[in-house]
Amino acid sequence: MKKTFLACVLGLTLMGTSCLGPNKWFNAVHDWNSKATDSKWGNEAIFFFVGSWVGSIALWGDYVISNSIEFWSGDAAPDAKAK
């Protein structure tokens, strides 16, 4: 029980290191999902069955990879340099 609690506390500490950034991967998924069809019900169905877990993975990737690189290096993430 102690190890599980310690792992949760460590995970929350690492996730809360203020690596706030533009969340480009998540925003790309969100923008795609909002324009996938002309129907709001179609977009909702896509979000419900696919977009929710893809968006979660993209947001996790933003937090752990993209935004952390930007925070620790002081540079924009690799995909941000394309602009």
PDB file of N, CA and C in Angstrom:
ATOM      1  N   MET A   1       0.819  -1.189   0.000  1.00  0.00           N
ATOM      2  CA  MET A   1       0.000   0.000   0.000  1.00  0.00           C
ATOM      3  C   MET A   1       0.864   1.255   0.000  1.00  0.00           C
ATOM      4  N   LYS A   2       1.977   1.208   0.766  1.00  0.00           N
ATOM      5  CA  LYS A   2       2.863   2.362   0.827  1.00  0.00           C
ATOM      6  C   LYS A   2       3.508   2.630  -0.528  1.00  0.00           C
ATOM      7  N   LYS A   3       3.887   1.557  -1.229  1.00  0.00           N
ATOM      8  CA  LYS A   3       4.534   1.725  -2.529  1.00  0.00           C
ATOM      9  C   LYS A   3       3.566   2.329  -3.543  1.00  0.00           C
ATOM     10  N   THR A   4       2.313   1.916  -3.507  1.00  0.00           N
ATOM     11  CA  THR A   4       1.313   2.465  -4.419  1.00  0.00           C
ATOM     12  C   THR A   4       1.091   3.943  -4.136  1.00  0.00           C
ATOM     13  N   PHE A   5       0.969   4.288  -2.878  1.00  0.00           N
ATOM     14  CA  PHE A   5       0.788   5.683  -2.497  1.00  0.00           C
ATOM     15  C   PHE A   5       1.983   6.523  -2.908  1.00  0.00           C
ATOM     16  N   LEU A   6       3.192   6.015  -2.671  1.00  0.00           N
ATOM     17  CA  LEU A   6       4.406   6.735  -3.038  1.00  0.00           C
ATOM     18  C   LEU A   6       4.489   6.923  -4.559  1.00  0.00           C
ATOM     19  N   ALA A   7       4.122   5.898  -5.304  1.00  0.00           N
ATOM     20  CA  ALA A   7       4.131   6.001  -6.769  1.00  0.00           C
ATOM     21  C   ALA A   7       3.133   7.052  -7.242  1.00  0.00           C
ATOM     22  N   CYS A   8       1.957   7.096  -6.642  1.00  0.00           N
ATOM     23  CA  CYS A   8       0.955   8.101  -7.014  1.00  0.00           C
ATOM     24  C   CYS A   8       1.440   9.515  -6.686  1.00  0.00           C
ATOM     25  N   VAL A   9       2.012   9.691  -5.526  1.00  0.00           N
ATOM     26  CA  VAL A   9       2.520  11.012  -5.132  1.00  0.00           C
ATOM     27  C   VAL A   9       3.649  11.444  -6.057  1.00  0.00           C
ATOM     28  N   LEU A  10       4.557  10.529  -6.380  1.00  0.00           N
ATOM     29  CA  LEU A  10       5.660  10.847  -7.285  1.00  0.00           C
ATOM     30  C   LEU A  10       5.133  11.190  -8.671  1.00  0.00           C
ATOM     31  N   GLY A  11       4.172  10.433  -9.147  1.00  0.00           N
ATOM     32  CA  GLY A  11       3.584  10.710 -10.458  1.00  0.00           C
ATOM     33  C   GLY A  11       2.902  12.063 -10.504  1.00  0.00           C
ATOM     34  N   LEU A  12       2.153  12.394  -9.484  1.00  0.00           N
ATOM     35  CA  LEU A  12       1.495  13.698  -9.438  1.00  0.00           C
ATOM     36  C   LEU A  12       2.505  14.831  -9.325  1.00  0.00           C
ATOM     37  N   THR A  13       3.579  14.590  -8.614  1.00  0.00           N
ATOM     38  CA  THR A  13       4.618  15.612  -8.491  1.00  0.00           C
ATOM     39  C   THR A  13       5.283  15.874  -9.834  1.00  0.00           C
ATOM     40  N   LEU A  14       5.593  14.818 -10.563  1.00  0.00           N
ATOM     41  CA  LEU A  14       6.224  14.986 -11.863  1.00  0.00           C
ATOM     42  C   LEU A  14       5.278  15.621 -12.870  1.00  0.00           C
ATOM     43  N   MET A  15       3.999  15.293 -12.797  1.00  0.00           N
ATOM     44  CA  MET A  15       3.029  15.853 -13.729  1.00  0.00           C
ATOM     45  C   MET A  15       2.728  17.317 -13.403  1.00  0.00           C
ATOM     46  N   GLY A  16       3.000  17.742 -12.205  1.00  0.00           N
ATOM     47  CA  GLY A  16       2.698  19.110 -11.811  1.00  0.00           C
ATOM     48  C   GLY A  16       3.923  19.998 -11.759  1.00  0.00           C
ATOM     49  N   THR A  17       4.850  19.835 -12.682  1.00  0.00           N
ATOM     50  CA  THR A  17       6.084  20.623 -12.645  1.00  0.00           C
ATOM     51  C   THR A  17       5.964  21.930 -13.415  1.00  0.00           C
ATOM     52  N   SER A  18       4.760  22.372 -13.661  1.00  0.00           N
ATOM     53  CA  SER A  18       4.503  23.625 -14.367  1.00  0.00           C
ATOM     54  C   SER A  18       5.070  23.642 -15.781  1.00  0.00           C
ATOM     55  N   CYS A  19       4.969  22.540 -16.446  1.00  0.00           N
ATOM     56  CA  CYS A  19       5.399  22.463 -17.839  1.00  0.00           C
ATOM     57  C   CYS A  19       4.221  22.846 -18.739  1.00  0.00           C
ATOM     58  N   LEU A  20       3.690  24.002 -18.463  1.00  0.00           N
ATOM     59  CA  LEU A  20       2.564  24.452 -19.263  1.00  0.00           C
ATOM     60  C   LEU A  20       3.072  24.950 -20.599  1.00  0.00           C
ATOM     61  N   GLY A  21       2.345  24.636 -21.614  1.00  0.00           N
ATOM     62  CA  GLY A  21       2.760  25.042 -22.943  1.00  0.00           C
ATOM     63  C   GLY A  21       1.560  25.121 -23.858  1.00  0.00           C
ATOM     64  N   PRO A  22       1.815  25.190 -25.139  1.00  0.00           N
ATOM     65  CA  PRO A  22       0.733  25.385 -26.093  1.00  0.00           C
ATOM     66  C   PRO A  22      -0.125  24.151 -26.356  1.00  0.00           C
ATOM     67  N   ASN A  23       0.283  22.980 -25.897  1.00  0.00           N
ATOM     68  CA  ASN A  23      -0.481  21.740 -26.106  1.00  0.00           C
ATOM     69  C   ASN A  23      -0.858  21.553 -27.572  1.00  0.00           C
ATOM     70  N   LYS A  24       0.111  21.626 -28.438  1.00  0.00           N
ATOM     71  CA  LYS A  24      -0.131  21.583 -29.876  1.00  0.00           C
ATOM     72  C   LYS A  24      -0.697  20.257 -30.349  1.00  0.00           C
ATOM     73  N   TRP A  25      -0.256  19.157 -29.762  1.00  0.00           N
ATOM     74  CA  TRP A  25      -0.746  17.857 -30.211  1.00  0.00           C
ATOM     75  C   TRP A  25      -2.225  17.709 -29.858  1.00  0.00           C
ATOM     76  N   PHE A  26      -2.584  18.079 -28.642  1.00  0.00           N
ATOM     77  CA  PHE A  26      -3.986  17.990 -28.230  1.00  0.00           C
ATOM     78  C   PHE A  26      -4.855  18.935 -29.054  1.00  0.00           C
ATOM     79  N   ASN A  27      -4.373  20.148 -29.282  1.00  0.00           N
ATOM     80  CA  ASN A  27      -5.148  21.098 -30.076  1.00  0.00           C
ATOM     81  C   ASN A  27      -5.325  20.617 -31.512  1.00  0.00           C
ATOM     82  N   ALA A  28      -4.336  19.928 -32.052  1.00  0.00           N
ATOM     83  CA  ALA A  28      -4.462  19.375 -33.401  1.00  0.00           C
ATOM     84  C   ALA A  28      -5.555  18.306 -33.451  1.00  0.00           C
ATOM     85  N   VAL A  29      -5.601  17.445 -32.439  1.00  0.00           N
ATOM     86  CA  VAL A  29      -6.651  16.424 -32.372  1.00  0.00           C
ATOM     87  C   VAL A  29      -8.022  17.085 -32.213  1.00  0.00           C
ATOM     88  N   HIS A  30      -8.099  18.087 -31.360  1.00  0.00           N
ATOM     89  CA  HIS A  30      -9.361  18.785 -31.131  1.00  0.00           C
ATOM     90  C   HIS A  30      -9.843  19.493 -32.400  1.00  0.00           C
ATOM     91  N   ASP A  31      -8.939  20.175 -33.083  1.00  0.00           N
ATOM     92  CA  ASP A  31      -9.310  20.866 -34.322  1.00  0.00           C
ATOM     93  C   ASP A  31      -9.760  19.884 -35.387  1.00  0.00           C
ATOM     94  N   TRP A  32      -9.049  18.761 -35.513  1.00  0.00           N
ATOM     95  CA  TRP A  32      -9.458  17.748 -36.492  1.00  0.00           C
ATOM     96  C   TRP A  32     -10.841  17.209 -36.155  1.00  0.00           C
ATOM     97  N   ASN A  33     -11.073  16.900 -34.887  1.00  0.00           N
ATOM     98  CA  ASN A  33     -12.354  16.326 -34.493  1.00  0.00           C
ATOM     99  C   ASN A  33     -13.503  17.307 -34.714  1.00  0.00           C
ATOM    100  N   SER A  34     -13.271  18.584 -34.519  1.00  0.00           N
ATOM    101  CA  SER A  34     -14.347  19.555 -34.694  1.00  0.00           C
ATOM    102  C   SER A  34     -14.687  19.773 -36.165  1.00  0.00           C
ATOM    103  N   LYS A  35     -13.797  19.381 -37.077  1.00  0.00           N
ATOM    104  CA  LYS A  35     -14.039  19.567 -38.506  1.00  0.00           C
ATOM    105  C   LYS A  35     -14.127  18.245 -39.264  1.00  0.00           C
ATOM    106  N   ALA A  36     -14.215  17.126 -38.565  1.00  0.00           N
ATOM    107  CA  ALA A  36     -14.204  15.815 -39.221  1.00  0.00           C
ATOM    108  C   ALA A  36     -15.428  15.612 -40.107  1.00  0.00           C
ATOM    109  N   THR A  37     -16.573  16.071 -39.658  1.00  0.00           N
ATOM    110  CA  THR A  37     -17.803  15.961 -40.450  1.00  0.00           C
ATOM    111  C   THR A  37     -18.534  17.301 -40.391  1.00  0.00           C
ATOM    112  N   ASP A  38     -19.593  17.407 -41.183  1.00  0.00           N
ATOM    113  CA  ASP A  38     -20.423  18.610 -41.155  1.00  0.00           C
ATOM    114  C   ASP A  38     -21.481  18.550 -40.058  1.00  0.00           C
ATOM    115  N   SER A  39     -21.622  17.392 -39.438  1.00  0.00           N
ATOM    116  CA  SER A  39     -22.657  17.183 -38.429  1.00  0.00           C
ATOM    117  C   SER A  39     -22.057  17.228 -37.032  1.00  0.00           C
ATOM    118  N   LYS A  40     -22.702  17.966 -36.132  1.00  0.00           N
ATOM    119  CA  LYS A  40     -22.210  17.991 -34.755  1.00  0.00           C
ATOM    120  C   LYS A  40     -22.390  16.623 -34.095  1.00  0.00           C
ATOM    121  N   TRP A  41     -23.403  15.866 -34.517  1.00  0.00           N
ATOM    122  CA  TRP A  41     -23.624  14.533 -33.961  1.00  0.00           C
ATOM    123  C   TRP A  41     -22.561  13.560 -34.462  1.00  0.00           C
ATOM    124  N   GLY A  42     -22.156  13.712 -35.713  1.00  0.00           N
ATOM    125  CA  GLY A  42     -21.072  12.885 -36.242  1.00  0.00           C
ATOM    126  C   GLY A  42     -19.764  13.155 -35.522  1.00  0.00           C
ATOM    127  N   ASN A  43     -19.481  14.431 -35.298  1.00  0.00           N
ATOM    128  CA  ASN A  43     -18.270  14.798 -34.564  1.00  0.00           C
ATOM    129  C   ASN A  43     -18.308  14.264 -33.130  1.00  0.00           C
ATOM    130  N   GLU A  44     -19.488  14.298 -32.519  1.00  0.00           N
ATOM    131  CA  GLU A  44     -19.621  13.776 -31.158  1.00  0.00           C
ATOM    132  C   GLU A  44     -19.400  12.267 -31.132  1.00  0.00           C
ATOM    133  N   ALA A  45     -19.922  11.568 -32.127  1.00  0.00           N
ATOM    134  CA  ALA A  45     -19.717  10.117 -32.203  1.00  0.00           C
ATOM    135  C   ALA A  45     -18.239   9.780 -32.375  1.00  0.00           C
ATOM    136  N   ILE A  46     -17.559  10.540 -33.235  1.00  0.00           N
ATOM    137  CA  ILE A  46     -16.119  10.329 -33.420  1.00  0.00           C
ATOM    138  C   ILE A  46     -15.390  10.587 -32.112  1.00  0.00           C
ATOM    139  N   PHE A  47     -15.735  11.659 -31.432  1.00  0.00           N
ATOM    140  CA  PHE A  47     -15.099  11.963 -30.155  1.00  0.00           C
ATOM    141  C   PHE A  47     -15.363  10.863 -29.137  1.00  0.00           C
ATOM    142  N   PHE A  48     -16.592  10.387 -29.077  1.00  0.00           N
ATOM    143  CA  PHE A  48     -16.966   9.400 -28.073  1.00  0.00           C
ATOM    144  C   PHE A  48     -16.231   8.080 -28.285  1.00  0.00           C
ATOM    145  N   PHE A  49     -16.149   7.638 -29.543  1.00  0.00           N
ATOM    146  CA  PHE A  49     -15.564   6.330 -29.808  1.00  0.00           C
ATOM    147  C   PHE A  49     -14.062   6.354 -30.061  1.00  0.00           C
ATOM    148  N   VAL A  50     -13.531   7.460 -30.561  1.00  0.00           N
ATOM    149  CA  VAL A  50     -12.106   7.506 -30.922  1.00  0.00           C
ATOM    150  C   VAL A  50     -11.402   8.689 -30.266  1.00  0.00           C
ATOM    151  N   GLY A  51     -11.978   9.862 -30.405  1.00  0.00           N
ATOM    152  CA  GLY A  51     -11.303  11.088 -30.005  1.00  0.00           C
ATOM    153  C   GLY A  51     -10.978  11.194 -28.533  1.00  0.00           C
ATOM    154  N   SER A  52     -11.785  10.601 -27.683  1.00  0.00           N
ATOM    155  CA  SER A  52     -11.528  10.739 -26.252  1.00  0.00           C
ATOM    156  C   SER A  52     -10.212  10.065 -25.863  1.00  0.00           C
ATOM    157  N   TRP A  53      -9.956   8.864 -26.349  1.00  0.00           N
ATOM    158  CA  TRP A  53      -8.697   8.209 -25.972  1.00  0.00           C
ATOM    159  C   TRP A  53      -7.525   8.746 -26.784  1.00  0.00           C
ATOM    160  N   VAL A  54      -7.747   9.138 -28.048  1.00  0.00           N
ATOM    161  CA  VAL A  54      -6.671   9.743 -28.830  1.00  0.00           C
ATOM    162  C   VAL A  54      -6.303  11.102 -28.232  1.00  0.00           C
ATOM    163  N   GLY A  55      -7.310  11.862 -27.841  1.00  0.00           N
ATOM    164  CA  GLY A  55      -7.059  13.154 -27.198  1.00  0.00           C
ATOM    165  C   GLY A  55      -6.318  13.004 -25.883  1.00  0.00           C
ATOM    166  N   SER A  56      -6.653  11.968 -25.130  1.00  0.00           N
ATOM    167  CA  SER A  56      -5.957  11.713 -23.864  1.00  0.00           C
ATOM    168  C   SER A  56      -4.490  11.394 -24.101  1.00  0.00           C
ATOM    169  N   ILE A  57      -4.215  10.577 -25.112  1.00  0.00           N
ATOM    170  CA  ILE A  57      -2.832  10.235 -25.433  1.00  0.00           C
ATOM    171  C   ILE A  57      -2.081  11.477 -25.912  1.00  0.00           C
ATOM    172  N   ALA A  58      -2.737  12.288 -26.744  1.00  0.00           N
ATOM    173  CA  ALA A  58      -2.098  13.505 -27.242  1.00  0.00           C
ATOM    174  C   ALA A  58      -1.819  14.480 -26.101  1.00  0.00           C
ATOM    175  N   LEU A  59      -2.758  14.624 -25.181  1.00  0.00           N
ATOM    176  CA  LEU A  59      -2.551  15.525 -24.048  1.00  0.00           C
ATOM    177  C   LEU A  59      -1.424  15.020 -23.154  1.00  0.00           C
ATOM    178  N   TRP A  60      -1.379  13.725 -22.912  1.00  0.00           N
ATOM    179  CA  TRP A  60      -0.298  13.143 -22.127  1.00  0.00           C
ATOM    180  C   TRP A  60       1.037  13.384 -22.823  1.00  0.00           C
ATOM    181  N   GLY A  61       1.070  13.187 -24.136  1.00  0.00           N
ATOM    182  CA  GLY A  61       2.296  13.434 -24.894  1.00  0.00           C
ATOM    183  C   GLY A  61       2.734  14.885 -24.823  1.00  0.00           C
ATOM    184  N   ASP A  62       1.757  15.778 -24.875  1.00  0.00           N
ATOM    185  CA  ASP A  62       2.082  17.204 -24.725  1.00  0.00           C
ATOM    186  C   ASP A  62       2.706  17.478 -23.368  1.00  0.00           C
ATOM    187  N   TYR A  63       2.083  16.974 -22.316  1.00  0.00           N
ATOM    188  CA  TYR A  63       2.576  17.234 -20.968  1.00  0.00           C
ATOM    189  C   TYR A  63       3.955  16.640 -20.739  1.00  0.00           C
ATOM    190  N   VAL A  64       4.124  15.380 -21.114  1.00  0.00           N
ATOM    191  CA  VAL A  64       5.341  14.665 -20.768  1.00  0.00           C
ATOM    192  C   VAL A  64       6.475  14.938 -21.755  1.00  0.00           C
ATOM    193  N   ILE A  65       6.157  15.040 -23.040  1.00  0.00           N
ATOM    194  CA  ILE A  65       7.216  15.149 -24.045  1.00  0.00           C
ATOM    195  C   ILE A  65       7.373  16.587 -24.530  1.00  0.00           C
ATOM    196  N   SER A  66       6.389  17.068 -25.249  1.00  0.00           N
ATOM    197  CA  SER A  66       6.516  18.341 -25.953  1.00  0.00           C
ATOM    198  C   SER A  66       6.696  19.532 -25.008  1.00  0.00           C
ATOM    199  N   ASN A  67       5.802  19.679 -24.065  1.00  0.00           N
ATOM    200  CA  ASN A  67       5.885  20.824 -23.158  1.00  0.00           C
ATOM    201  C   ASN A  67       7.087  20.723 -22.216  1.00  0.00           C
ATOM    202  N   SER A  68       7.465  19.505 -21.843  1.00  0.00           N
ATOM    203  CA  SER A  68       8.641  19.337 -20.983  1.00  0.00           C
ATOM    204  C   SER A  68       9.911  19.725 -21.722  1.00  0.00           C
ATOM    205  N   ILE A  69      10.021  19.345 -23.000  1.00  0.00           N
ATOM    206  CA  ILE A  69      11.183  19.733 -23.798  1.00  0.00           C
ATOM    207  C   ILE A  69      11.262  21.255 -23.871  1.00  0.00           C
ATOM    208  N   GLU A  70      10.124  21.874 -24.143  1.00  0.00           N
ATOM    209  CA  GLU A  70      10.098  23.333 -24.241  1.00  0.00           C
ATOM    210  C   GLU A  70      10.466  23.984 -22.914  1.00  0.00           C
ATOM    211  N   PHE A  71       9.952  23.451 -21.826  1.00  0.00           N
ATOM    212  CA  PHE A  71      10.212  24.028 -20.512  1.00  0.00           C
ATOM    213  C   PHE A  71      11.681  23.902 -20.119  1.00  0.00           C
ATOM    214  N   TRP A  72      12.238  22.699 -20.230  1.00  0.00           N
ATOM    215  CA  TRP A  72      13.593  22.457 -19.754  1.00  0.00           C
ATOM    216  C   TRP A  72      14.664  23.017 -20.685  1.00  0.00           C
ATOM    217  N   SER A  73      14.394  23.066 -21.993  1.00  0.00           N
ATOM    218  CA  SER A  73      15.413  23.557 -22.912  1.00  0.00           C
ATOM    219  C   SER A  73      15.292  25.055 -23.174  1.00  0.00           C
ATOM    220  N   GLY A  74      14.107  25.590 -22.933  1.00  0.00           N
ATOM    221  CA  GLY A  74      13.878  26.997 -23.228  1.00  0.00           C
ATOM    222  C   GLY A  74      13.554  27.234 -24.686  1.00  0.00           C
ATOM    223  N   ASP A  75      13.599  26.175 -25.483  1.00  0.00           N
ATOM    224  CA  ASP A  75      13.276  26.262 -26.898  1.00  0.00           C
ATOM    225  C   ASP A  75      11.866  25.763 -27.127  1.00  0.00           C
ATOM    226  N   ALA A  76      11.329  26.141 -28.266  1.00  0.00           N
ATOM    227  CA  ALA A  76      10.024  25.610 -28.644  1.00  0.00           C
ATOM    228  C   ALA A  76      10.173  24.140 -28.982  1.00  0.00           C
ATOM    229  N   ALA A  77       9.088  23.405 -28.849  1.00  0.00           N
ATOM    230  CA  ALA A  77       9.080  21.998 -29.201  1.00  0.00           C
ATOM    231  C   ALA A  77       9.390  21.828 -30.670  1.00  0.00           C
ATOM    232  N   PRO A  78       9.891  20.667 -31.092  1.00  0.00           N
ATOM    233  CA  PRO A  78      10.271  20.483 -32.498  1.00  0.00           C
ATOM    234  C   PRO A  78       9.177  20.810 -33.491  1.00  0.00           C
ATOM    235  N   ASP A  79       7.916  20.506 -33.180  1.00  0.00           N
ATOM    236  CA  ASP A  79       6.841  20.795 -34.128  1.00  0.00           C
ATOM    237  C   ASP A  79       6.487  22.272 -34.148  1.00  0.00           C
ATOM    238  N   ALA A  80       6.908  23.042 -33.150  1.00  0.00           N
ATOM    239  CA  ALA A  80       6.611  24.472 -33.124  1.00  0.00           C
ATOM    240  C   ALA A  80       7.552  25.266 -34.037  1.00  0.00           C
ATOM    241  N   LYS A  81       8.692  24.687 -34.394  1.00  0.00           N
ATOM    242  CA  LYS A  81       9.661  25.369 -35.238  1.00  0.00           C
ATOM    243  C   LYS A  81       9.238  25.412 -36.688  1.00  0.00           C
ATOM    244  N   ALA A  82       8.228  24.642 -37.042  1.00  0.00           N
ATOM    245  CA  ALA A  82       7.794  24.573 -38.423  1.00  0.00           C
ATOM    246  C   ALA A  82       7.130  25.869 -38.888  1.00  0.00           C
ATOM    247  N   LYS A  83       6.666  26.681 -37.954  1.00  0.00           N
ATOM    248  CA  LYS A  83       5.969  27.919 -38.328  1.00  0.00           C
ATOM    249  C   LYS A  83       6.880  28.902 -38.931  1.00  0.00           C
TER     250      LYS A  83
END
